[in-house]
Amino acid sequence: MVANGPEPSRQPVRKIDLDYWWYGDFLSAVGADIQRLPKMAAAVADSETLVNDMTTDIRTISYLLHPPLLDEAGLASALRWYVEGLTTRSEMRVALEVPDDFDRLPRDLETAIFRVVQDVSRTFIGIQGARPRRFTSVGPPMMFKLKCGIRARA
């Protein structure tokens, strides 16, 4: 039998088109990228957590620096809010005693007293074993006396 061409085992090898030689490199690079995706996803999740935490901290700091409640409702309300937040954030038991009929003070004085309470609470937090226990305001409307007691932890 006569064949029309060379036998299949003797057919010439086709030349590989050299324009496509880089596919192997491309696939290797894609494979390496795919292997890095879980680590990248974890890094993105970590970054998202950090951004959310920082956003919360910035809001808290901004409210602590000058709470809107201080201007809107006065010192007594702002101190109640601050002590409640302090108790929540630091897991300390802090009592605030402010008379129900506590009148508004001049704005600068309310701000100054609020800052003193903040500073006292930060100072006590910094003393190992000491915790602010009670903030008390007493006196007539234009007189303000701040008492702060601590109890050392055993």
N, C-alpha and C. Protein backbone atom coordinates (compact mmCIF):
# COMPACT_ATOMS: atom_id res chain seq x y z
N MET A 1 0.85 -1.17 0.00
CA MET A 1 0.00 0.00 0.00
C MET A 1 0.89 1.22 0.00
N VAL A 2 0.51 2.12 -0.79
CA VAL A 2 1.30 3.34 -0.94
C VAL A 2 0.60 4.47 -0.20
N ALA A 3 1.34 5.15 0.61
CA ALA A 3 0.77 6.26 1.37
C ALA A 3 1.02 7.55 0.64
N ASN A 4 0.15 8.48 0.88
CA ASN A 4 0.27 9.78 0.23
C ASN A 4 1.31 10.68 0.89
N GLY A 5 1.85 10.29 1.93
CA GLY A 5 2.83 11.13 2.62
C GLY A 5 3.70 10.27 3.47
N PRO A 6 4.56 10.87 4.23
CA PRO A 6 5.43 10.09 5.09
C PRO A 6 4.62 9.38 6.16
N GLU A 7 5.15 8.33 6.68
CA GLU A 7 4.47 7.59 7.73
C GLU A 7 4.29 8.51 8.95
N PRO A 8 3.23 8.23 9.77
CA PRO A 8 2.98 9.11 10.90
C PRO A 8 4.16 9.22 11.84
N SER A 9 4.89 8.17 12.05
CA SER A 9 6.02 8.26 12.97
C SER A 9 7.16 9.05 12.38
N ARG A 10 7.13 9.30 11.10
CA ARG A 10 8.23 10.02 10.46
C ARG A 10 7.82 11.41 10.00
N GLN A 11 6.66 11.90 10.45
CA GLN A 11 6.23 13.25 10.04
C GLN A 11 7.16 14.26 10.68
N PRO A 12 7.45 15.34 9.99
CA PRO A 12 8.35 16.34 10.57
C PRO A 12 7.71 17.00 11.80
N VAL A 13 8.52 17.31 12.82
CA VAL A 13 8.05 17.98 14.03
C VAL A 13 7.72 19.42 13.68
N ARG A 14 6.50 19.84 14.10
CA ARG A 14 6.12 21.22 13.81
C ARG A 14 6.92 22.17 14.68
N LYS A 15 7.27 23.29 14.15
CA LYS A 15 7.99 24.29 14.90
C LYS A 15 7.04 24.94 15.91
N ILE A 16 7.54 25.15 17.12
CA ILE A 16 6.74 25.84 18.14
C ILE A 16 6.77 27.32 17.82
N ASP A 17 5.60 27.91 17.82
CA ASP A 17 5.53 29.33 17.54
C ASP A 17 6.17 30.07 18.70
N LEU A 18 7.23 30.78 18.47
CA LEU A 18 8.00 31.45 19.51
C LEU A 18 7.27 32.64 20.12
N ASP A 19 6.17 33.08 19.52
CA ASP A 19 5.40 34.19 20.09
C ASP A 19 4.70 33.80 21.39
N TYR A 20 4.56 32.50 21.68
CA TYR A 20 3.81 32.06 22.84
C TYR A 20 4.69 31.43 23.91
N TRP A 21 5.96 31.60 23.83
CA TRP A 21 6.88 30.99 24.79
C TRP A 21 6.68 31.51 26.21
N TRP A 22 6.19 32.73 26.36
CA TRP A 22 6.05 33.36 27.68
C TRP A 22 4.83 32.89 28.45
N TYR A 23 3.94 32.08 27.88
CA TYR A 23 2.77 31.59 28.61
C TYR A 23 3.16 30.86 29.88
N GLY A 24 4.21 30.08 29.83
CA GLY A 24 4.66 29.35 31.02
C GLY A 24 5.04 30.31 32.14
N ASP A 25 5.76 31.36 31.80
CA ASP A 25 6.14 32.36 32.80
C ASP A 25 4.90 33.07 33.36
N PHE A 26 3.97 33.38 32.46
CA PHE A 26 2.75 34.06 32.87
C PHE A 26 1.95 33.18 33.84
N LEU A 27 1.78 31.91 33.51
CA LEU A 27 1.04 31.00 34.38
C LEU A 27 1.74 30.81 35.72
N SER A 28 3.06 30.77 35.71
CA SER A 28 3.80 30.66 36.97
C SER A 28 3.56 31.88 37.85
N ALA A 29 3.58 33.06 37.23
CA ALA A 29 3.35 34.29 37.99
C ALA A 29 1.93 34.33 38.55
N VAL A 30 0.95 33.92 37.77
CA VAL A 30 -0.44 33.89 38.24
C VAL A 30 -0.57 32.88 39.39
N GLY A 31 0.06 31.74 39.26
CA GLY A 31 0.03 30.73 40.31
C GLY A 31 0.63 31.26 41.60
N ALA A 32 1.75 31.98 41.50
CA ALA A 32 2.38 32.56 42.69
C ALA A 32 1.47 33.60 43.34
N ASP A 33 0.81 34.41 42.50
CA ASP A 33 -0.13 35.40 43.03
C ASP A 33 -1.29 34.74 43.76
N ILE A 34 -1.81 33.67 43.19
CA ILE A 34 -2.93 32.95 43.81
C ILE A 34 -2.50 32.38 45.15
N GLN A 35 -1.28 31.90 45.24
CA GLN A 35 -0.79 31.36 46.51
C GLN A 35 -0.67 32.45 47.58
N ARG A 36 -0.43 33.69 47.16
CA ARG A 36 -0.30 34.79 48.13
C ARG A 36 -1.65 35.38 48.55
N LEU A 37 -2.73 35.05 47.86
CA LEU A 37 -4.03 35.64 48.15
C LEU A 37 -4.49 35.43 49.59
N PRO A 38 -4.39 34.25 50.17
CA PRO A 38 -4.84 34.11 51.56
C PRO A 38 -4.10 35.05 52.52
N LYS A 39 -2.78 35.19 52.32
CA LYS A 39 -2.02 36.10 53.18
C LYS A 39 -2.47 37.54 52.95
N MET A 40 -2.72 37.89 51.69
CA MET A 40 -3.16 39.25 51.38
C MET A 40 -4.54 39.51 51.97
N ALA A 41 -5.42 38.52 51.91
CA ALA A 41 -6.77 38.69 52.47
C ALA A 41 -6.68 38.91 53.97
N ALA A 42 -5.79 38.17 54.62
CA ALA A 42 -5.61 38.35 56.07
C ALA A 42 -5.07 39.75 56.36
N ALA A 43 -4.14 40.22 55.54
CA ALA A 43 -3.57 41.56 55.74
C ALA A 43 -4.64 42.63 55.53
N VAL A 44 -5.48 42.45 54.53
CA VAL A 44 -6.57 43.41 54.28
C VAL A 44 -7.56 43.40 55.45
N ALA A 45 -7.89 42.21 55.95
CA ALA A 45 -8.80 42.12 57.10
C ALA A 45 -8.18 42.79 58.33
N ASP A 46 -6.89 42.58 58.55
CA ASP A 46 -6.21 43.23 59.67
C ASP A 46 -6.24 44.75 59.51
N SER A 47 -6.00 45.21 58.29
CA SER A 47 -6.01 46.65 58.03
C SER A 47 -7.41 47.22 58.27
N GLU A 48 -8.43 46.51 57.85
CA GLU A 48 -9.80 46.97 58.07
C GLU A 48 -10.10 47.08 59.57
N THR A 49 -9.66 46.10 60.33
CA THR A 49 -9.85 46.13 61.78
C THR A 49 -9.13 47.33 62.39
N LEU A 50 -7.89 47.57 61.96
CA LEU A 50 -7.15 48.72 62.47
C LEU A 50 -7.83 50.03 62.16
N VAL A 51 -8.33 50.17 60.93
CA VAL A 51 -9.01 51.41 60.53
C VAL A 51 -10.27 51.60 61.37
N ASN A 52 -11.04 50.54 61.58
CA ASN A 52 -12.25 50.65 62.40
C ASN A 52 -11.92 51.02 63.84
N ASP A 53 -10.88 50.39 64.39
CA ASP A 53 -10.47 50.71 65.77
C ASP A 53 -10.00 52.16 65.87
N MET A 54 -9.21 52.60 64.89
CA MET A 54 -8.72 53.98 64.92
C MET A 54 -9.87 54.98 64.80
N THR A 55 -10.85 54.66 63.96
CA THR A 55 -12.00 55.54 63.80
C THR A 55 -12.76 55.67 65.12
N THR A 56 -12.96 54.56 65.79
CA THR A 56 -13.63 54.57 67.09
C THR A 56 -12.83 55.38 68.10
N ASP A 57 -11.51 55.16 68.12
CA ASP A 57 -10.65 55.90 69.06
C ASP A 57 -10.68 57.40 68.80
N ILE A 58 -10.64 57.79 67.53
CA ILE A 58 -10.66 59.21 67.18
C ILE A 58 -11.98 59.85 67.61
N ARG A 59 -13.09 59.14 67.38
CA ARG A 59 -14.38 59.67 67.82
C ARG A 59 -14.42 59.81 69.35
N THR A 60 -13.91 58.79 70.04
CA THR A 60 -13.89 58.84 71.50
C THR A 60 -13.04 59.99 71.99
N ILE A 61 -11.85 60.15 71.42
CA ILE A 61 -10.96 61.23 71.83
C ILE A 61 -11.62 62.58 71.58
N SER A 62 -12.25 62.72 70.45
CA SER A 62 -12.88 63.99 70.12
C SER A 62 -13.99 64.32 71.12
N TYR A 63 -14.78 63.32 71.49
CA TYR A 63 -15.83 63.55 72.48
C TYR A 63 -15.26 63.78 73.87
N LEU A 64 -14.16 63.10 74.17
CA LEU A 64 -13.55 63.30 75.49
C LEU A 64 -12.90 64.68 75.60
N LEU A 65 -12.32 65.16 74.51
CA LEU A 65 -11.68 66.47 74.56
C LEU A 65 -12.69 67.57 74.81
N HIS A 66 -13.80 67.50 74.16
CA HIS A 66 -14.85 68.49 74.40
C HIS A 66 -16.19 67.86 74.03
N PRO A 67 -16.84 67.23 74.99
CA PRO A 67 -18.11 66.57 74.66
C PRO A 67 -19.19 67.59 74.30
N PRO A 68 -19.95 67.32 73.26
CA PRO A 68 -21.03 68.23 72.88
C PRO A 68 -22.03 68.43 74.02
N LEU A 69 -22.17 67.42 74.86
CA LEU A 69 -23.09 67.50 75.98
C LEU A 69 -22.73 68.63 76.95
N LEU A 70 -21.45 68.95 77.05
CA LEU A 70 -21.00 70.02 77.95
C LEU A 70 -21.64 71.35 77.54
N ASP A 71 -21.65 71.64 76.26
CA ASP A 71 -22.26 72.89 75.77
C ASP A 71 -23.78 72.81 75.78
N GLU A 72 -24.31 71.63 75.42
CA GLU A 72 -25.75 71.51 75.26
C GLU A 72 -26.50 71.40 76.58
N ALA A 73 -25.99 70.57 77.49
CA ALA A 73 -26.75 70.27 78.71
C ALA A 73 -26.05 70.70 79.99
N GLY A 74 -24.80 71.12 79.89
CA GLY A 74 -24.11 71.60 81.07
C GLY A 74 -23.19 70.58 81.71
N LEU A 75 -22.50 71.05 82.74
CA LEU A 75 -21.47 70.28 83.40
C LEU A 75 -22.00 68.99 84.04
N ALA A 76 -23.10 69.06 84.73
CA ALA A 76 -23.62 67.88 85.43
C ALA A 76 -23.88 66.74 84.45
N SER A 77 -24.53 67.03 83.35
CA SER A 77 -24.81 65.98 82.35
C SER A 77 -23.53 65.47 81.72
N ALA A 78 -22.60 66.37 81.41
CA ALA A 78 -21.34 65.96 80.80
C ALA A 78 -20.52 65.09 81.75
N LEU A 79 -20.53 65.43 83.04
CA LEU A 79 -19.81 64.61 84.02
C LEU A 79 -20.45 63.23 84.18
N ARG A 80 -21.78 63.18 84.17
CA ARG A 80 -22.46 61.88 84.24
C ARG A 80 -22.06 61.01 83.05
N TRP A 81 -22.08 61.62 81.87
CA TRP A 81 -21.70 60.91 80.65
C TRP A 81 -20.25 60.44 80.73
N TYR A 82 -19.36 61.30 81.21
CA TYR A 82 -17.94 60.97 81.29
C TYR A 82 -17.69 59.82 82.27
N VAL A 83 -18.30 59.90 83.43
CA VAL A 83 -18.11 58.86 84.45
C VAL A 83 -18.68 57.53 83.95
N GLU A 84 -19.81 57.57 83.27
CA GLU A 84 -20.39 56.34 82.72
C GLU A 84 -19.43 55.72 81.69
N GLY A 85 -18.88 56.54 80.81
CA GLY A 85 -17.92 56.05 79.82
C GLY A 85 -16.63 55.56 80.46
N LEU A 86 -16.16 56.28 81.47
CA LEU A 86 -14.95 55.89 82.19
C LEU A 86 -15.14 54.52 82.84
N THR A 87 -16.29 54.33 83.44
CA THR A 87 -16.61 53.06 84.08
C THR A 87 -16.63 51.93 83.04
N THR A 88 -17.22 52.20 81.90
CA THR A 88 -17.30 51.18 80.84
C THR A 88 -15.93 50.87 80.26
N ARG A 89 -15.16 51.92 79.92
CA ARG A 89 -13.88 51.72 79.25
C ARG A 89 -12.82 51.12 80.17
N SER A 90 -12.83 51.52 81.43
CA SER A 90 -11.75 51.09 82.32
C SER A 90 -12.17 49.99 83.28
N GLU A 91 -13.44 49.62 83.25
CA GLU A 91 -13.98 48.59 84.14
C GLU A 91 -13.77 48.95 85.61
N MET A 92 -13.79 50.25 85.90
CA MET A 92 -13.68 50.72 87.28
C MET A 92 -15.07 51.07 87.78
N ARG A 93 -15.23 51.00 89.07
CA ARG A 93 -16.47 51.45 89.68
C ARG A 93 -16.23 52.88 90.16
N VAL A 94 -16.93 53.81 89.55
CA VAL A 94 -16.78 55.22 89.89
C VAL A 94 -18.17 55.78 90.16
N ALA A 95 -18.29 56.51 91.24
CA ALA A 95 -19.57 57.15 91.58
C ALA A 95 -19.45 58.65 91.36
N LEU A 96 -20.52 59.24 90.88
CA LEU A 96 -20.57 60.69 90.69
C LEU A 96 -21.76 61.21 91.47
N GLU A 97 -21.51 62.18 92.32
CA GLU A 97 -22.58 62.80 93.10
C GLU A 97 -22.67 64.26 92.71
N VAL A 98 -23.73 64.60 92.01
CA VAL A 98 -23.99 65.98 91.61
C VAL A 98 -25.45 66.27 91.98
N PRO A 99 -25.69 67.35 92.71
CA PRO A 99 -27.08 67.66 93.09
C PRO A 99 -27.97 67.81 91.86
N ASP A 100 -29.22 67.40 92.01
CA ASP A 100 -30.18 67.50 90.90
C ASP A 100 -30.40 68.94 90.48
N ASP A 101 -30.30 69.87 91.43
CA ASP A 101 -30.56 71.27 91.13
C ASP A 101 -29.27 72.03 90.78
N PHE A 102 -28.26 71.33 90.35
CA PHE A 102 -26.99 71.95 89.99
C PHE A 102 -27.20 72.86 88.78
N ASP A 103 -26.95 74.14 88.96
CA ASP A 103 -27.17 75.13 87.90
C ASP A 103 -25.99 75.17 86.94
N ARG A 104 -26.27 75.78 85.79
CA ARG A 104 -25.20 75.98 84.82
C ARG A 104 -24.20 77.00 85.34
N LEU A 105 -22.94 76.77 85.03
CA LEU A 105 -21.87 77.69 85.38
C LEU A 105 -21.41 78.38 84.10
N PRO A 106 -20.60 79.42 84.21
CA PRO A 106 -20.05 80.02 82.99
C PRO A 106 -19.32 78.95 82.17
N ARG A 107 -19.42 79.08 80.87
CA ARG A 107 -18.89 78.06 79.95
C ARG A 107 -17.42 77.72 80.23
N ASP A 108 -16.58 78.74 80.42
CA ASP A 108 -15.15 78.49 80.66
C ASP A 108 -14.93 77.72 81.96
N LEU A 109 -15.75 78.02 82.97
CA LEU A 109 -15.62 77.33 84.26
C LEU A 109 -16.06 75.87 84.13
N GLU A 110 -17.15 75.63 83.41
CA GLU A 110 -17.59 74.25 83.19
C GLU A 110 -16.52 73.44 82.46
N THR A 111 -15.93 74.05 81.45
CA THR A 111 -14.87 73.37 80.70
C THR A 111 -13.68 73.07 81.61
N ALA A 112 -13.29 74.05 82.43
CA ALA A 112 -12.15 73.86 83.33
C ALA A 112 -12.41 72.75 84.34
N ILE A 113 -13.59 72.72 84.91
CA ILE A 113 -13.92 71.68 85.88
C ILE A 113 -13.95 70.31 85.21
N PHE A 114 -14.50 70.25 84.01
CA PHE A 114 -14.53 68.98 83.26
C PHE A 114 -13.10 68.48 83.03
N ARG A 115 -12.20 69.40 82.66
CA ARG A 115 -10.79 69.03 82.43
C ARG A 115 -10.13 68.53 83.72
N VAL A 116 -10.45 69.16 84.85
CA VAL A 116 -9.88 68.72 86.13
C VAL A 116 -10.32 67.29 86.43
N VAL A 117 -11.60 67.01 86.24
CA VAL A 117 -12.09 65.65 86.48
C VAL A 117 -11.39 64.66 85.55
N GLN A 118 -11.22 65.02 84.28
CA GLN A 118 -10.49 64.16 83.35
C GLN A 118 -9.07 63.91 83.85
N ASP A 119 -8.40 64.97 84.24
CA ASP A 119 -7.01 64.86 84.67
C ASP A 119 -6.88 64.01 85.93
N VAL A 120 -7.78 64.23 86.88
CA VAL A 120 -7.75 63.44 88.11
C VAL A 120 -7.96 61.96 87.80
N SER A 121 -8.92 61.66 86.93
CA SER A 121 -9.18 60.25 86.62
C SER A 121 -7.99 59.63 85.89
N ARG A 122 -7.35 60.36 84.99
CA ARG A 122 -6.15 59.83 84.30
C ARG A 122 -5.01 59.62 85.29
N THR A 123 -4.88 60.55 86.25
CA THR A 123 -3.82 60.41 87.25
C THR A 123 -4.02 59.15 88.08
N PHE A 124 -5.25 58.92 88.52
CA PHE A 124 -5.53 57.74 89.32
C PHE A 124 -5.35 56.45 88.53
N ILE A 125 -5.71 56.49 87.27
CA ILE A 125 -5.51 55.31 86.42
C ILE A 125 -4.02 55.01 86.32
N GLY A 126 -3.19 56.05 86.32
CA GLY A 126 -1.75 55.87 86.22
C GLY A 126 -1.10 55.37 87.51
N ILE A 127 -1.77 55.52 88.64
CA ILE A 127 -1.22 55.04 89.92
C ILE A 127 -1.57 53.57 90.04
N GLN A 128 -0.56 52.74 90.12
CA GLN A 128 -0.82 51.31 90.18
C GLN A 128 -1.62 50.97 91.44
N GLY A 129 -2.73 50.30 91.22
CA GLY A 129 -3.54 49.86 92.34
C GLY A 129 -4.56 50.89 92.80
N ALA A 130 -4.46 52.13 92.37
CA ALA A 130 -5.41 53.16 92.80
C ALA A 130 -6.49 53.31 91.74
N ARG A 131 -7.71 53.51 92.17
CA ARG A 131 -8.82 53.70 91.26
C ARG A 131 -9.68 54.84 91.78
N PRO A 132 -10.08 55.77 90.88
CA PRO A 132 -10.98 56.82 91.34
C PRO A 132 -12.29 56.18 91.79
N ARG A 133 -12.77 56.60 92.91
CA ARG A 133 -13.97 55.99 93.47
C ARG A 133 -15.17 56.93 93.42
N ARG A 134 -14.95 58.19 93.74
CA ARG A 134 -16.11 59.06 93.85
C ARG A 134 -15.72 60.49 93.49
N PHE A 135 -16.53 61.10 92.62
CA PHE A 135 -16.41 62.52 92.33
C PHE A 135 -17.65 63.17 92.92
N THR A 136 -17.46 64.18 93.74
CA THR A 136 -18.59 64.83 94.41
C THR A 136 -18.49 66.33 94.21
N SER A 137 -19.58 66.94 93.82
CA SER A 137 -19.61 68.40 93.78
C SER A 137 -20.58 68.88 94.84
N VAL A 138 -20.15 69.85 95.58
CA VAL A 138 -21.01 70.38 96.65
C VAL A 138 -20.91 71.90 96.64
N GLY A 139 -21.89 72.54 97.22
CA GLY A 139 -21.83 73.98 97.40
C GLY A 139 -22.95 74.70 96.67
N PRO A 140 -23.05 76.01 96.92
CA PRO A 140 -24.07 76.81 96.24
C PRO A 140 -23.76 76.90 94.75
N PRO A 141 -24.71 77.40 93.95
CA PRO A 141 -24.56 77.39 92.50
C PRO A 141 -23.25 77.96 91.96
N MET A 142 -22.72 79.00 92.54
CA MET A 142 -21.50 79.59 91.98
C MET A 142 -20.25 79.13 92.72
N MET A 143 -20.40 78.13 93.59
CA MET A 143 -19.23 77.59 94.27
C MET A 143 -19.16 76.11 93.92
N PHE A 144 -18.00 75.69 93.57
CA PHE A 144 -17.85 74.29 93.17
C PHE A 144 -16.68 73.70 93.94
N LYS A 145 -16.93 72.62 94.60
CA LYS A 145 -15.88 71.93 95.34
C LYS A 145 -15.86 70.50 94.84
N LEU A 146 -14.71 70.07 94.42
CA LEU A 146 -14.56 68.72 93.89
C LEU A 146 -13.81 67.87 94.88
N LYS A 147 -14.44 66.80 95.29
CA LYS A 147 -13.77 65.85 96.16
C LYS A 147 -13.58 64.58 95.35
N CYS A 148 -12.42 64.00 95.48
CA CYS A 148 -12.17 62.75 94.79
C CYS A 148 -11.47 61.82 95.75
N GLY A 149 -12.06 60.67 95.97
CA GLY A 149 -11.45 59.69 96.87
C GLY A 149 -11.02 58.47 96.09
N ILE A 150 -9.97 57.82 96.56
CA ILE A 150 -9.53 56.59 95.90
C ILE A 150 -9.46 55.48 96.93
N ARG A 151 -9.47 54.29 96.42
CA ARG A 151 -9.27 53.14 97.28
C ARG A 151 -8.25 52.25 96.58
N ALA A 152 -7.19 51.95 97.28
CA ALA A 152 -6.12 51.13 96.69
C ALA A 152 -6.60 49.69 96.59
N ARG A 153 -6.20 49.05 95.50
CA ARG A 153 -6.52 47.62 95.33
C ARG A 153 -5.62 46.79 96.23
N ALA A 154 -6.18 45.71 96.69
CA ALA A 154 -5.39 44.81 97.53
C ALA A 154 -4.57 43.88 96.67
